[in-house]
């Protein structure tokens, strides 16, 4: 079994972003999705610091220090893109005007609760940013994260032990091992990396999983 690379994860998430979608890519790993959006789809990328119509990362040497995303990474602006005040940007997020947001996570619960802004550790620096606004404002919330921490603990849990970003907000989880839907019946495994068995995936996951019917899974 070989885990998915971060580029492969980003490419997989990009496949599920539909034509005409307004999308916010969270700080960190989710920003890589911008580089893999299908060229034949018109997708509008939003950044909470006040951009709409963001393009992929610029070529080396072509960075514009005044054109950055919310994570302070250099980006490009597509034809027709716009700048605006961050207050207006947050109004878009809170007002339900985004179809999808892609966020990282420290933990996701079996019922779709999300913890991604603070580990609760005494020396941790809280950095919520716009994550709470995105988690409750976007029509769909995709989580993109490693399946386990560096110490081998599952990031998918029955109940989050870290402070919550949003309650019952996550629709789909993309990890380096699997694609999992959060449903009313539980966590349904739609895809797994080649060579991984359902039993092994369950062993690495701290919440009950449900195998999707074969015709629905890959």
N, C-alpha and C. Protein backbone atom coordinates (compact mmCIF):
# COMPACT_ATOMS: atom_id res chain seq x y z
N UNK A 1 0.83 -1.20 0.00
CA UNK A 1 0.00 0.00 0.00
C UNK A 1 0.87 1.25 0.00
N UNK A 2 0.53 2.18 -0.88
CA UNK A 2 1.24 3.45 -0.91
C UNK A 2 0.25 4.57 -0.69
N UNK A 3 0.53 5.44 0.28
CA UNK A 3 -0.35 6.56 0.56
C UNK A 3 -0.35 7.54 -0.61
N UNK A 4 -1.44 8.26 -0.75
CA UNK A 4 -1.52 9.30 -1.78
C UNK A 4 -0.58 10.45 -1.41
N UNK A 5 0.10 10.97 -2.41
CA UNK A 5 0.92 12.16 -2.19
C UNK A 5 0.01 13.36 -2.02
N UNK A 6 0.54 14.45 -1.56
CA UNK A 6 -0.27 15.66 -1.38
C UNK A 6 -0.77 16.19 -2.72
N UNK A 7 0.05 16.05 -3.75
CA UNK A 7 -0.39 16.48 -5.08
C UNK A 7 -1.54 15.60 -5.56
N UNK A 8 -1.44 14.30 -5.31
CA UNK A 8 -2.51 13.39 -5.73
C UNK A 8 -3.80 13.68 -4.97
N UNK A 9 -3.68 14.01 -3.69
CA UNK A 9 -4.85 14.38 -2.90
C UNK A 9 -5.51 15.62 -3.47
N UNK A 10 -4.70 16.62 -3.79
CA UNK A 10 -5.23 17.87 -4.33
C UNK A 10 -5.94 17.63 -5.66
N UNK A 11 -5.34 16.79 -6.49
CA UNK A 11 -5.95 16.46 -7.78
C UNK A 11 -7.27 15.74 -7.59
N UNK A 12 -7.34 14.86 -6.59
CA UNK A 12 -8.58 14.11 -6.35
C UNK A 12 -9.70 15.04 -5.87
N UNK A 13 -9.38 15.96 -4.99
CA UNK A 13 -10.39 16.93 -4.53
C UNK A 13 -10.88 17.77 -5.70
N UNK A 14 -9.95 18.21 -6.54
CA UNK A 14 -10.30 19.07 -7.68
C UNK A 14 -11.31 18.39 -8.61
N UNK A 15 -11.24 17.08 -8.73
CA UNK A 15 -12.17 16.35 -9.60
C UNK A 15 -13.62 16.52 -9.17
N UNK A 16 -13.85 16.74 -7.88
CA UNK A 16 -15.21 16.82 -7.34
C UNK A 16 -15.77 18.24 -7.30
N UNK A 17 -15.03 19.20 -7.81
CA UNK A 17 -15.52 20.58 -7.82
C UNK A 17 -16.21 20.83 -9.15
N UNK A 18 -17.48 21.13 -9.09
CA UNK A 18 -18.31 21.16 -10.29
C UNK A 18 -18.22 22.48 -11.06
N UNK A 19 -18.66 22.42 -12.29
CA UNK A 19 -18.70 23.59 -13.18
C UNK A 19 -19.49 24.72 -12.53
N UNK A 20 -18.91 25.92 -12.59
CA UNK A 20 -19.59 27.11 -12.09
C UNK A 20 -19.55 27.29 -10.59
N UNK A 21 -18.80 26.45 -9.87
CA UNK A 21 -18.77 26.53 -8.41
C UNK A 21 -17.97 27.73 -7.92
N UNK A 22 -18.44 28.31 -6.82
CA UNK A 22 -17.70 29.33 -6.08
C UNK A 22 -17.07 28.62 -4.89
N UNK A 23 -15.74 28.68 -4.80
CA UNK A 23 -15.00 27.79 -3.90
C UNK A 23 -13.97 28.58 -3.09
N UNK A 24 -13.88 28.26 -1.80
CA UNK A 24 -12.81 28.79 -0.97
C UNK A 24 -11.87 27.65 -0.60
N UNK A 25 -10.58 27.87 -0.77
CA UNK A 25 -9.57 26.89 -0.41
C UNK A 25 -8.87 27.36 0.86
N UNK A 26 -8.98 26.57 1.92
CA UNK A 26 -8.42 26.96 3.20
C UNK A 26 -6.90 27.02 3.18
N UNK A 27 -6.35 27.61 4.23
CA UNK A 27 -4.91 27.77 4.37
C UNK A 27 -4.24 26.40 4.49
N UNK A 28 -3.04 26.29 3.92
CA UNK A 28 -2.27 25.06 4.02
C UNK A 28 -2.52 24.13 2.84
N UNK A 29 -2.66 22.85 3.14
CA UNK A 29 -2.81 21.82 2.12
C UNK A 29 -3.91 22.12 1.09
N UNK A 30 -5.09 22.62 1.48
CA UNK A 30 -6.14 22.86 0.48
C UNK A 30 -5.77 23.84 -0.63
N UNK A 31 -4.81 24.72 -0.39
CA UNK A 31 -4.46 25.69 -1.44
C UNK A 31 -3.91 24.99 -2.68
N UNK A 32 -3.38 23.77 -2.52
CA UNK A 32 -2.82 23.05 -3.66
C UNK A 32 -3.88 22.66 -4.69
N UNK A 33 -5.14 22.62 -4.27
CA UNK A 33 -6.22 22.24 -5.18
C UNK A 33 -6.29 23.18 -6.38
N UNK A 34 -5.94 24.44 -6.17
CA UNK A 34 -6.00 25.44 -7.25
C UNK A 34 -5.17 25.03 -8.46
N UNK A 35 -4.11 24.29 -8.23
CA UNK A 35 -3.21 23.91 -9.33
C UNK A 35 -3.72 22.73 -10.15
N UNK A 36 -4.83 22.11 -9.71
CA UNK A 36 -5.33 20.91 -10.39
C UNK A 36 -6.77 21.01 -10.84
N UNK A 37 -7.34 22.19 -10.83
CA UNK A 37 -8.72 22.34 -11.29
C UNK A 37 -8.82 22.04 -12.77
N UNK A 38 -9.81 21.27 -13.20
CA UNK A 38 -9.93 20.92 -14.62
C UNK A 38 -10.02 22.15 -15.51
N UNK A 39 -9.23 22.17 -16.58
CA UNK A 39 -9.17 23.33 -17.46
C UNK A 39 -10.48 23.58 -18.19
N UNK A 40 -11.31 22.53 -18.33
CA UNK A 40 -12.55 22.67 -19.08
C UNK A 40 -13.73 23.10 -18.20
N UNK A 41 -13.47 23.41 -16.92
CA UNK A 41 -14.54 23.87 -16.03
C UNK A 41 -14.27 25.31 -15.59
N UNK A 42 -15.32 26.12 -15.58
CA UNK A 42 -15.20 27.47 -15.07
C UNK A 42 -15.52 27.44 -13.57
N UNK A 43 -14.49 27.67 -12.76
CA UNK A 43 -14.60 27.61 -11.31
C UNK A 43 -14.05 28.90 -10.74
N UNK A 44 -14.77 29.48 -9.77
CA UNK A 44 -14.40 30.77 -9.22
C UNK A 44 -13.83 30.58 -7.82
N UNK A 45 -12.53 30.87 -7.68
CA UNK A 45 -11.88 30.70 -6.39
C UNK A 45 -11.95 31.99 -5.58
N UNK A 46 -12.36 31.85 -4.34
CA UNK A 46 -12.52 32.97 -3.41
C UNK A 46 -11.46 32.87 -2.32
N UNK A 47 -10.92 34.01 -1.92
CA UNK A 47 -10.00 34.05 -0.80
C UNK A 47 -10.52 35.05 0.22
N UNK A 48 -10.49 34.66 1.50
CA UNK A 48 -11.15 35.48 2.52
C UNK A 48 -10.50 36.84 2.73
N UNK A 49 -9.27 37.03 2.23
CA UNK A 49 -8.66 38.35 2.37
C UNK A 49 -9.14 39.32 1.28
N UNK A 50 -10.07 38.88 0.42
CA UNK A 50 -10.70 39.80 -0.52
C UNK A 50 -10.38 39.59 -1.98
N UNK A 51 -10.43 38.35 -2.43
CA UNK A 51 -10.19 38.04 -3.84
C UNK A 51 -11.28 37.11 -4.36
N UNK A 52 -11.67 37.31 -5.60
CA UNK A 52 -12.55 36.37 -6.29
C UNK A 52 -12.04 36.24 -7.71
N UNK A 53 -11.84 35.01 -8.15
CA UNK A 53 -11.26 34.79 -9.47
C UNK A 53 -9.77 34.50 -9.39
N UNK A 54 -9.35 33.87 -8.29
CA UNK A 54 -7.95 33.50 -8.11
C UNK A 54 -7.54 32.41 -9.08
N UNK A 55 -6.33 32.51 -9.57
CA UNK A 55 -5.77 31.49 -10.43
C UNK A 55 -4.75 30.65 -9.68
N UNK A 56 -4.01 29.78 -10.39
CA UNK A 56 -3.00 28.94 -9.74
C UNK A 56 -1.79 29.75 -9.28
N UNK A 57 -0.87 29.08 -8.65
CA UNK A 57 0.35 29.75 -8.19
C UNK A 57 1.13 30.28 -9.39
N UNK A 58 1.78 31.43 -9.25
CA UNK A 58 2.55 31.98 -10.36
C UNK A 58 3.83 31.19 -10.63
N UNK A 59 4.36 31.34 -11.83
CA UNK A 59 5.63 30.70 -12.15
C UNK A 59 6.74 31.37 -11.34
N UNK A 60 7.80 30.63 -11.02
CA UNK A 60 8.91 31.22 -10.26
C UNK A 60 9.42 32.49 -10.94
N UNK A 61 9.58 33.53 -10.15
CA UNK A 61 10.05 34.81 -10.66
C UNK A 61 8.94 35.74 -11.11
N UNK A 62 7.71 35.25 -11.17
CA UNK A 62 6.58 36.08 -11.59
C UNK A 62 5.63 36.41 -10.45
N UNK A 63 6.09 36.24 -9.22
CA UNK A 63 5.26 36.54 -8.06
C UNK A 63 5.03 38.04 -7.93
N UNK A 64 3.84 38.41 -7.47
CA UNK A 64 3.49 39.79 -7.16
C UNK A 64 3.25 39.85 -5.67
N UNK A 65 4.09 40.58 -4.93
CA UNK A 65 3.99 40.60 -3.47
C UNK A 65 2.67 41.19 -2.97
N UNK A 66 1.95 41.89 -3.84
CA UNK A 66 0.65 42.45 -3.45
C UNK A 66 -0.51 41.53 -3.80
N UNK A 67 -0.22 40.40 -4.43
CA UNK A 67 -1.27 39.47 -4.85
C UNK A 67 -1.05 38.14 -4.13
N UNK A 68 -1.73 37.98 -3.00
CA UNK A 68 -1.54 36.81 -2.15
C UNK A 68 -2.90 36.26 -1.71
N UNK A 69 -2.89 35.00 -1.28
CA UNK A 69 -4.10 34.42 -0.72
C UNK A 69 -4.11 34.62 0.79
N UNK A 70 -5.10 34.02 1.47
CA UNK A 70 -5.23 34.22 2.91
C UNK A 70 -4.06 33.63 3.69
N UNK A 71 -3.35 32.70 3.10
CA UNK A 71 -2.17 32.12 3.73
C UNK A 71 -0.89 32.84 3.39
N UNK A 72 -1.01 34.01 2.74
CA UNK A 72 0.11 34.85 2.34
C UNK A 72 0.99 34.21 1.28
N UNK A 73 0.42 33.28 0.53
CA UNK A 73 1.14 32.66 -0.59
C UNK A 73 0.84 33.44 -1.86
N UNK A 74 1.82 33.61 -2.74
CA UNK A 74 1.57 34.32 -4.01
C UNK A 74 0.60 33.55 -4.89
N UNK A 75 -0.32 34.26 -5.52
CA UNK A 75 -1.31 33.65 -6.41
C UNK A 75 -1.39 34.48 -7.68
N UNK A 76 -2.20 34.04 -8.62
CA UNK A 76 -2.48 34.81 -9.82
C UNK A 76 -3.95 35.20 -9.81
N UNK A 77 -4.32 36.13 -10.66
CA UNK A 77 -5.71 36.56 -10.78
C UNK A 77 -6.14 36.35 -12.22
N UNK A 78 -7.22 35.62 -12.39
CA UNK A 78 -7.72 35.34 -13.73
C UNK A 78 -8.41 36.57 -14.33
N UNK A 79 -8.56 36.59 -15.63
CA UNK A 79 -9.27 37.67 -16.29
C UNK A 79 -10.67 37.80 -15.71
N UNK A 80 -11.04 39.02 -15.32
CA UNK A 80 -12.34 39.25 -14.70
C UNK A 80 -12.33 39.11 -13.19
N UNK A 81 -11.19 38.75 -12.61
CA UNK A 81 -11.08 38.62 -11.16
C UNK A 81 -11.24 39.97 -10.47
N UNK A 82 -11.54 39.93 -9.18
CA UNK A 82 -11.85 41.16 -8.45
C UNK A 82 -11.20 41.19 -7.08
N UNK A 83 -10.90 42.41 -6.61
CA UNK A 83 -10.44 42.65 -5.25
C UNK A 83 -11.55 43.38 -4.49
N UNK A 84 -11.66 43.14 -3.19
CA UNK A 84 -12.65 43.85 -2.40
C UNK A 84 -12.26 43.79 -0.93
N UNK A 85 -12.96 44.58 -0.11
CA UNK A 85 -12.67 44.66 1.31
C UNK A 85 -12.92 43.32 1.98
N UNK A 86 -12.11 42.99 3.00
CA UNK A 86 -12.29 41.69 3.64
C UNK A 86 -13.63 41.60 4.37
N UNK A 87 -14.21 42.74 4.74
CA UNK A 87 -15.55 42.71 5.33
C UNK A 87 -16.59 42.19 4.35
N UNK A 88 -16.46 42.61 3.08
CA UNK A 88 -17.35 42.09 2.04
C UNK A 88 -17.08 40.61 1.79
N UNK A 89 -15.81 40.24 1.89
CA UNK A 89 -15.45 38.84 1.68
C UNK A 89 -16.10 37.95 2.74
N UNK A 90 -16.07 38.39 4.00
CA UNK A 90 -16.69 37.61 5.06
C UNK A 90 -18.21 37.59 4.92
N UNK A 91 -18.78 38.65 4.37
CA UNK A 91 -20.22 38.66 4.13
C UNK A 91 -20.60 37.60 3.09
N UNK A 92 -19.74 37.41 2.10
CA UNK A 92 -19.96 36.34 1.12
C UNK A 92 -19.95 34.97 1.80
N UNK A 93 -18.97 34.78 2.70
CA UNK A 93 -18.82 33.50 3.38
C UNK A 93 -20.01 33.24 4.30
N UNK A 94 -20.38 34.22 5.08
CA UNK A 94 -21.46 34.05 6.07
C UNK A 94 -22.84 34.02 5.42
N UNK A 95 -22.93 34.60 4.24
CA UNK A 95 -24.24 34.72 3.59
C UNK A 95 -24.63 33.54 2.73
N UNK A 96 -23.82 32.48 2.72
CA UNK A 96 -24.17 31.29 1.96
C UNK A 96 -23.91 31.42 0.47
N UNK A 97 -22.95 32.25 0.09
CA UNK A 97 -22.69 32.49 -1.33
C UNK A 97 -21.58 31.59 -1.89
N UNK A 98 -20.99 30.75 -1.05
CA UNK A 98 -19.95 29.82 -1.52
C UNK A 98 -20.54 28.42 -1.64
N UNK A 99 -20.26 27.78 -2.76
CA UNK A 99 -20.76 26.41 -2.97
C UNK A 99 -19.96 25.39 -2.17
N UNK A 100 -18.64 25.58 -2.14
CA UNK A 100 -17.75 24.60 -1.51
C UNK A 100 -16.63 25.32 -0.79
N UNK A 101 -16.25 24.83 0.38
CA UNK A 101 -14.96 25.22 0.95
C UNK A 101 -14.18 23.95 1.22
N UNK A 102 -12.88 24.04 1.07
CA UNK A 102 -11.98 22.91 1.33
C UNK A 102 -11.09 23.32 2.50
N UNK A 103 -11.18 22.59 3.59
CA UNK A 103 -10.46 22.95 4.81
C UNK A 103 -9.56 21.82 5.28
N UNK A 104 -8.51 22.17 5.99
CA UNK A 104 -7.69 21.18 6.67
C UNK A 104 -8.34 20.82 7.99
N UNK A 105 -7.76 19.86 8.71
CA UNK A 105 -8.37 19.44 9.97
C UNK A 105 -7.35 18.84 10.92
N UNK A 106 -7.57 19.09 12.21
CA UNK A 106 -6.89 18.34 13.26
C UNK A 106 -7.71 17.08 13.56
N UNK A 107 -9.04 17.23 13.58
CA UNK A 107 -9.94 16.11 13.81
C UNK A 107 -11.26 16.33 13.07
N UNK A 108 -11.88 15.22 12.65
CA UNK A 108 -13.25 15.22 12.14
C UNK A 108 -13.98 14.11 12.87
N UNK A 109 -15.19 14.39 13.38
CA UNK A 109 -15.93 13.38 14.12
C UNK A 109 -16.80 12.54 13.19
N UNK A 110 -17.35 11.47 13.75
CA UNK A 110 -18.21 10.56 12.99
C UNK A 110 -19.48 11.25 12.51
N UNK A 111 -19.86 12.35 13.15
CA UNK A 111 -21.06 13.08 12.74
C UNK A 111 -20.73 14.35 11.96
N UNK A 112 -19.47 14.52 11.57
CA UNK A 112 -19.10 15.66 10.74
C UNK A 112 -18.71 16.91 11.48
N UNK A 113 -18.48 16.81 12.81
CA UNK A 113 -17.94 17.96 13.54
C UNK A 113 -16.49 18.18 13.08
N UNK A 114 -16.09 19.44 13.05
CA UNK A 114 -14.75 19.79 12.57
C UNK A 114 -13.98 20.53 13.65
N UNK A 115 -12.73 20.11 13.87
CA UNK A 115 -11.80 20.83 14.74
C UNK A 115 -10.54 21.12 13.93
N UNK A 116 -10.32 22.37 13.62
CA UNK A 116 -9.14 22.68 12.78
C UNK A 116 -8.45 23.98 13.13
N UNK A 117 -8.77 24.56 14.29
CA UNK A 117 -8.14 25.86 14.58
C UNK A 117 -7.28 25.87 15.83
N UNK A 118 -7.41 24.86 16.70
CA UNK A 118 -6.68 24.91 17.97
C UNK A 118 -6.62 23.50 18.54
N UNK A 119 -5.43 23.06 18.96
CA UNK A 119 -5.30 21.73 19.55
C UNK A 119 -5.61 21.73 21.04
N UNK A 120 -5.77 22.91 21.61
CA UNK A 120 -6.05 22.99 23.04
C UNK A 120 -4.80 22.88 23.90
N UNK A 121 -3.65 22.65 23.29
CA UNK A 121 -2.41 22.56 24.05
C UNK A 121 -2.04 23.93 24.62
N UNK A 122 -1.44 23.97 25.82
CA UNK A 122 -1.12 25.26 26.46
C UNK A 122 -0.22 26.16 25.62
N UNK A 123 0.68 25.55 24.84
CA UNK A 123 1.62 26.36 24.05
C UNK A 123 1.17 26.56 22.60
N UNK A 124 -0.03 26.07 22.27
CA UNK A 124 -0.52 26.20 20.89
C UNK A 124 -1.01 27.61 20.64
N UNK A 125 -0.83 28.08 19.42
CA UNK A 125 -1.28 29.42 19.03
C UNK A 125 -2.61 29.29 18.30
N UNK A 126 -3.72 29.74 18.90
CA UNK A 126 -5.01 29.66 18.21
C UNK A 126 -4.99 30.48 16.93
N UNK A 127 -5.52 29.93 15.85
CA UNK A 127 -5.52 30.63 14.56
C UNK A 127 -6.78 30.29 13.80
N UNK A 128 -7.91 30.80 14.28
CA UNK A 128 -9.17 30.43 13.66
C UNK A 128 -9.37 31.08 12.30
N UNK A 129 -8.89 32.30 12.10
CA UNK A 129 -9.09 32.97 10.82
C UNK A 129 -10.55 32.99 10.45
N UNK A 130 -10.86 32.60 9.21
CA UNK A 130 -12.25 32.56 8.76
C UNK A 130 -12.83 31.17 8.75
N UNK A 131 -12.17 30.21 9.41
CA UNK A 131 -12.60 28.81 9.33
C UNK A 131 -14.01 28.61 9.85
N UNK A 132 -14.37 29.26 10.96
CA UNK A 132 -15.72 29.07 11.51
C UNK A 132 -16.77 29.62 10.55
N UNK A 133 -16.47 30.76 9.94
CA UNK A 133 -17.41 31.36 8.98
C UNK A 133 -17.59 30.47 7.76
N UNK A 134 -16.49 29.89 7.28
CA UNK A 134 -16.55 28.99 6.13
C UNK A 134 -17.29 27.71 6.46
N UNK A 135 -17.02 27.15 7.64
CA UNK A 135 -17.61 25.87 8.01
C UNK A 135 -19.13 25.93 8.08
N UNK A 136 -19.67 27.06 8.50
CA UNK A 136 -21.13 27.17 8.61
C UNK A 136 -21.75 27.87 7.41
N UNK A 137 -20.93 28.57 6.62
CA UNK A 137 -21.48 29.36 5.53
C UNK A 137 -21.49 28.69 4.18
N UNK A 138 -20.50 27.83 3.91
CA UNK A 138 -20.43 27.16 2.61
C UNK A 138 -21.49 26.07 2.51
N UNK A 139 -22.00 25.86 1.32
CA UNK A 139 -23.04 24.84 1.13
C UNK A 139 -22.50 23.42 1.32
N UNK A 140 -21.23 23.22 0.95
CA UNK A 140 -20.57 21.93 1.17
C UNK A 140 -19.20 22.17 1.76
N UNK A 141 -18.83 21.34 2.73
CA UNK A 141 -17.51 21.44 3.35
C UNK A 141 -16.75 20.15 3.07
N UNK A 142 -15.65 20.29 2.35
CA UNK A 142 -14.74 19.17 2.10
C UNK A 142 -13.54 19.33 3.04
N UNK A 143 -13.12 18.25 3.66
CA UNK A 143 -11.92 18.26 4.50
C UNK A 143 -10.82 17.49 3.78
N UNK A 144 -9.64 18.06 3.77
CA UNK A 144 -8.48 17.47 3.11
C UNK A 144 -7.37 17.38 4.15
N UNK A 145 -6.97 16.16 4.52
CA UNK A 145 -6.03 15.99 5.61
C UNK A 145 -5.35 14.64 5.54
N UNK A 146 -4.23 14.49 6.23
CA UNK A 146 -3.64 13.17 6.41
C UNK A 146 -4.60 12.33 7.26
N UNK A 147 -4.62 11.03 7.03
CA UNK A 147 -5.53 10.17 7.78
C UNK A 147 -5.12 10.06 9.25
N UNK A 148 -3.81 10.09 9.47
CA UNK A 148 -3.29 9.97 10.83
C UNK A 148 -2.27 11.06 11.11
N UNK A 149 -2.06 11.35 12.38
CA UNK A 149 -1.03 12.30 12.78
C UNK A 149 0.34 11.66 12.60
N UNK A 150 1.39 12.44 12.78
CA UNK A 150 2.74 11.92 12.65
C UNK A 150 3.02 10.84 13.70
N UNK A 151 2.31 10.89 14.81
CA UNK A 151 2.51 9.88 15.86
C UNK A 151 1.58 8.68 15.69
N UNK A 152 0.79 8.67 14.59
CA UNK A 152 -0.04 7.51 14.29
C UNK A 152 -1.45 7.54 14.84
N UNK A 153 -1.88 8.68 15.38
CA UNK A 153 -3.25 8.78 15.90
C UNK A 153 -4.20 9.14 14.77
N UNK A 154 -5.38 8.58 14.80
CA UNK A 154 -6.38 8.86 13.77
C UNK A 154 -6.90 10.29 13.90
N UNK A 155 -7.06 10.95 12.76
CA UNK A 155 -7.68 12.27 12.76
C UNK A 155 -9.20 12.17 12.61
N UNK A 156 -9.67 10.99 12.27
CA UNK A 156 -11.11 10.73 12.20
C UNK A 156 -11.51 10.00 13.46
N UNK A 157 -12.37 10.62 14.26
CA UNK A 157 -12.65 10.14 15.61
C UNK A 157 -14.17 10.08 15.85
N UNK A 158 -14.56 9.39 16.89
CA UNK A 158 -15.99 9.35 17.22
C UNK A 158 -16.47 10.71 17.72
N UNK A 159 -15.66 11.34 18.58
CA UNK A 159 -15.96 12.69 19.06
C UNK A 159 -14.67 13.48 19.10
N UNK A 160 -14.73 14.73 18.68
CA UNK A 160 -13.54 15.58 18.69
C UNK A 160 -13.16 15.92 20.12
N UNK A 161 -11.87 15.86 20.41
CA UNK A 161 -11.36 16.26 21.72
C UNK A 161 -10.78 17.67 21.69
N UNK A 162 -10.61 18.22 20.50
CA UNK A 162 -10.11 19.58 20.35
C UNK A 162 -11.28 20.55 20.26
N UNK A 163 -11.04 21.86 20.51
CA UNK A 163 -12.11 22.85 20.37
C UNK A 163 -12.69 22.83 18.96
N UNK A 164 -14.01 22.90 18.86
CA UNK A 164 -14.68 22.76 17.56
C UNK A 164 -14.65 24.04 16.74
N UNK A 165 -14.54 23.83 15.44
CA UNK A 165 -14.70 24.90 14.46
C UNK A 165 -16.16 24.98 14.03
N UNK A 166 -16.78 23.83 13.81
CA UNK A 166 -18.17 23.77 13.40
C UNK A 166 -18.77 22.43 13.78
N UNK A 167 -20.08 22.40 13.98
CA UNK A 167 -20.79 21.19 14.38
C UNK A 167 -21.54 20.61 13.19
N UNK A 168 -21.30 19.33 12.90
CA UNK A 168 -22.02 18.65 11.82
C UNK A 168 -21.92 19.32 10.47
N UNK A 169 -20.77 19.90 10.19
CA UNK A 169 -20.63 20.72 8.98
C UNK A 169 -19.93 20.01 7.82
N UNK A 170 -19.20 18.93 8.10
CA UNK A 170 -18.37 18.29 7.07
C UNK A 170 -19.21 17.32 6.23
N UNK A 171 -19.06 17.42 4.92
CA UNK A 171 -19.77 16.53 3.99
C UNK A 171 -18.90 15.38 3.49
N UNK A 172 -17.64 15.67 3.21
CA UNK A 172 -16.75 14.64 2.64
C UNK A 172 -15.34 14.85 3.17
N UNK A 173 -14.64 13.73 3.43
CA UNK A 173 -13.28 13.76 3.94
C UNK A 173 -12.36 13.10 2.90
N UNK A 174 -11.29 13.81 2.54
CA UNK A 174 -10.28 13.28 1.63
C UNK A 174 -8.99 13.13 2.42
N UNK A 175 -8.51 11.90 2.54
CA UNK A 175 -7.25 11.68 3.24
C UNK A 175 -6.25 11.03 2.28
N UNK A 176 -5.05 10.80 2.80
CA UNK A 176 -4.03 10.13 1.99
C UNK A 176 -4.29 8.64 1.86
N UNK A 177 -5.39 8.14 2.49
CA UNK A 177 -5.75 6.73 2.40
C UNK A 177 -7.11 6.48 1.76
N UNK A 178 -8.03 7.45 1.88
CA UNK A 178 -9.40 7.16 1.46
C UNK A 178 -10.21 8.43 1.22
N UNK A 179 -11.37 8.23 0.57
CA UNK A 179 -12.38 9.27 0.43
C UNK A 179 -13.60 8.77 1.20
N UNK A 180 -14.08 9.57 2.14
CA UNK A 180 -15.12 9.13 3.07
C UNK A 180 -16.23 10.17 3.13
N UNK A 181 -17.46 9.74 2.95
CA UNK A 181 -18.62 10.63 3.06
C UNK A 181 -19.19 10.58 4.46
N UNK A 182 -19.57 11.76 4.97
CA UNK A 182 -20.27 11.85 6.24
C UNK A 182 -21.76 11.82 5.93
N UNK A 183 -22.45 10.77 6.35
CA UNK A 183 -23.87 10.60 6.04
C UNK A 183 -24.67 10.43 7.34
N UNK A 184 -25.98 10.43 7.19
CA UNK A 184 -26.85 10.23 8.35
C UNK A 184 -26.71 8.82 8.92
N UNK A 185 -26.20 7.90 8.10
CA UNK A 185 -25.99 6.52 8.56
C UNK A 185 -24.61 6.31 9.19
N UNK A 186 -23.70 7.25 8.94
CA UNK A 186 -22.34 7.12 9.45
C UNK A 186 -21.31 7.49 8.39
N UNK A 187 -20.08 7.08 8.63
CA UNK A 187 -18.97 7.38 7.72
C UNK A 187 -18.87 6.30 6.65
N UNK A 188 -19.15 6.68 5.41
CA UNK A 188 -19.19 5.72 4.31
C UNK A 188 -17.93 5.86 3.46
N UNK A 189 -17.19 4.79 3.33
CA UNK A 189 -15.94 4.78 2.57
C UNK A 189 -16.25 4.62 1.09
N UNK A 190 -15.93 5.64 0.30
CA UNK A 190 -16.19 5.60 -1.14
C UNK A 190 -15.00 5.10 -1.94
N UNK A 191 -13.80 5.45 -1.51
CA UNK A 191 -12.60 5.05 -2.23
C UNK A 191 -11.49 4.77 -1.24
N UNK A 192 -10.57 3.87 -1.62
CA UNK A 192 -9.37 3.61 -0.82
C UNK A 192 -8.17 3.52 -1.76
N UNK A 193 -7.00 3.79 -1.25
CA UNK A 193 -5.80 3.67 -2.07
C UNK A 193 -5.59 2.20 -2.42
N UNK A 194 -4.95 1.98 -3.54
CA UNK A 194 -4.71 0.61 -4.00
C UNK A 194 -3.88 -0.16 -2.99
N UNK A 195 -4.31 -1.38 -2.72
CA UNK A 195 -3.58 -2.24 -1.80
C UNK A 195 -4.03 -2.15 -0.36
N UNK A 196 -4.95 -1.23 -0.06
CA UNK A 196 -5.45 -1.08 1.31
C UNK A 196 -6.77 -1.83 1.46
N UNK A 197 -6.89 -2.64 2.48
CA UNK A 197 -8.13 -3.34 2.73
C UNK A 197 -9.02 -2.51 3.65
N UNK A 198 -10.31 -2.78 3.60
CA UNK A 198 -11.24 -2.08 4.48
C UNK A 198 -10.89 -2.33 5.95
N UNK A 199 -10.49 -3.54 6.26
CA UNK A 199 -10.15 -3.90 7.63
C UNK A 199 -8.95 -3.09 8.13
N UNK A 200 -7.96 -2.91 7.27
CA UNK A 200 -6.78 -2.12 7.66
C UNK A 200 -7.14 -0.65 7.81
N UNK A 201 -7.99 -0.14 6.91
CA UNK A 201 -8.43 1.24 7.03
C UNK A 201 -9.18 1.45 8.35
N UNK A 202 -10.04 0.51 8.69
CA UNK A 202 -10.77 0.61 9.96
C UNK A 202 -9.80 0.60 11.14
N UNK A 203 -8.77 -0.22 11.07
CA UNK A 203 -7.78 -0.27 12.15
C UNK A 203 -7.09 1.07 12.35
N UNK A 204 -6.94 1.82 11.27
CA UNK A 204 -6.26 3.12 11.34
C UNK A 204 -7.22 4.27 11.64
N UNK A 205 -8.49 3.96 11.83
CA UNK A 205 -9.52 4.98 12.01
C UNK A 205 -10.21 4.81 13.35
N UNK A 206 -10.31 5.89 14.12
CA UNK A 206 -10.87 5.82 15.47
C UNK A 206 -12.37 6.10 15.51
N UNK A 207 -13.06 5.74 14.46
CA UNK A 207 -14.52 5.85 14.39
C UNK A 207 -15.01 4.74 13.47
N UNK A 208 -16.22 4.25 13.70
CA UNK A 208 -16.74 3.17 12.85
C UNK A 208 -16.90 3.61 11.40
N UNK A 209 -16.52 2.73 10.48
CA UNK A 209 -16.66 2.99 9.05
C UNK A 209 -17.67 2.04 8.44
N UNK A 210 -18.27 2.48 7.34
CA UNK A 210 -19.22 1.66 6.59
C UNK A 210 -18.67 1.50 5.17
N UNK A 211 -18.60 0.29 4.68
CA UNK A 211 -18.15 0.06 3.31
C UNK A 211 -19.29 0.39 2.35
N UNK A 212 -19.00 1.23 1.37
CA UNK A 212 -20.01 1.57 0.37
C UNK A 212 -20.31 0.34 -0.49
N UNK A 213 -21.54 0.23 -1.00
CA UNK A 213 -21.83 -0.84 -1.96
C UNK A 213 -20.81 -0.81 -3.10
N UNK A 214 -20.45 -1.97 -3.61
CA UNK A 214 -19.38 -2.06 -4.61
C UNK A 214 -19.63 -1.17 -5.82
N UNK A 215 -20.89 -1.02 -6.21
CA UNK A 215 -21.17 -0.21 -7.41
C UNK A 215 -20.97 1.27 -7.14
N UNK A 216 -20.90 1.65 -5.82
CA UNK A 216 -20.73 3.06 -5.47
C UNK A 216 -19.31 3.39 -5.09
N UNK A 217 -18.44 2.40 -4.95
CA UNK A 217 -17.09 2.63 -4.47
C UNK A 217 -16.08 2.30 -5.55
N UNK A 218 -14.84 2.73 -5.28
CA UNK A 218 -13.75 2.46 -6.20
C UNK A 218 -12.62 1.78 -5.47
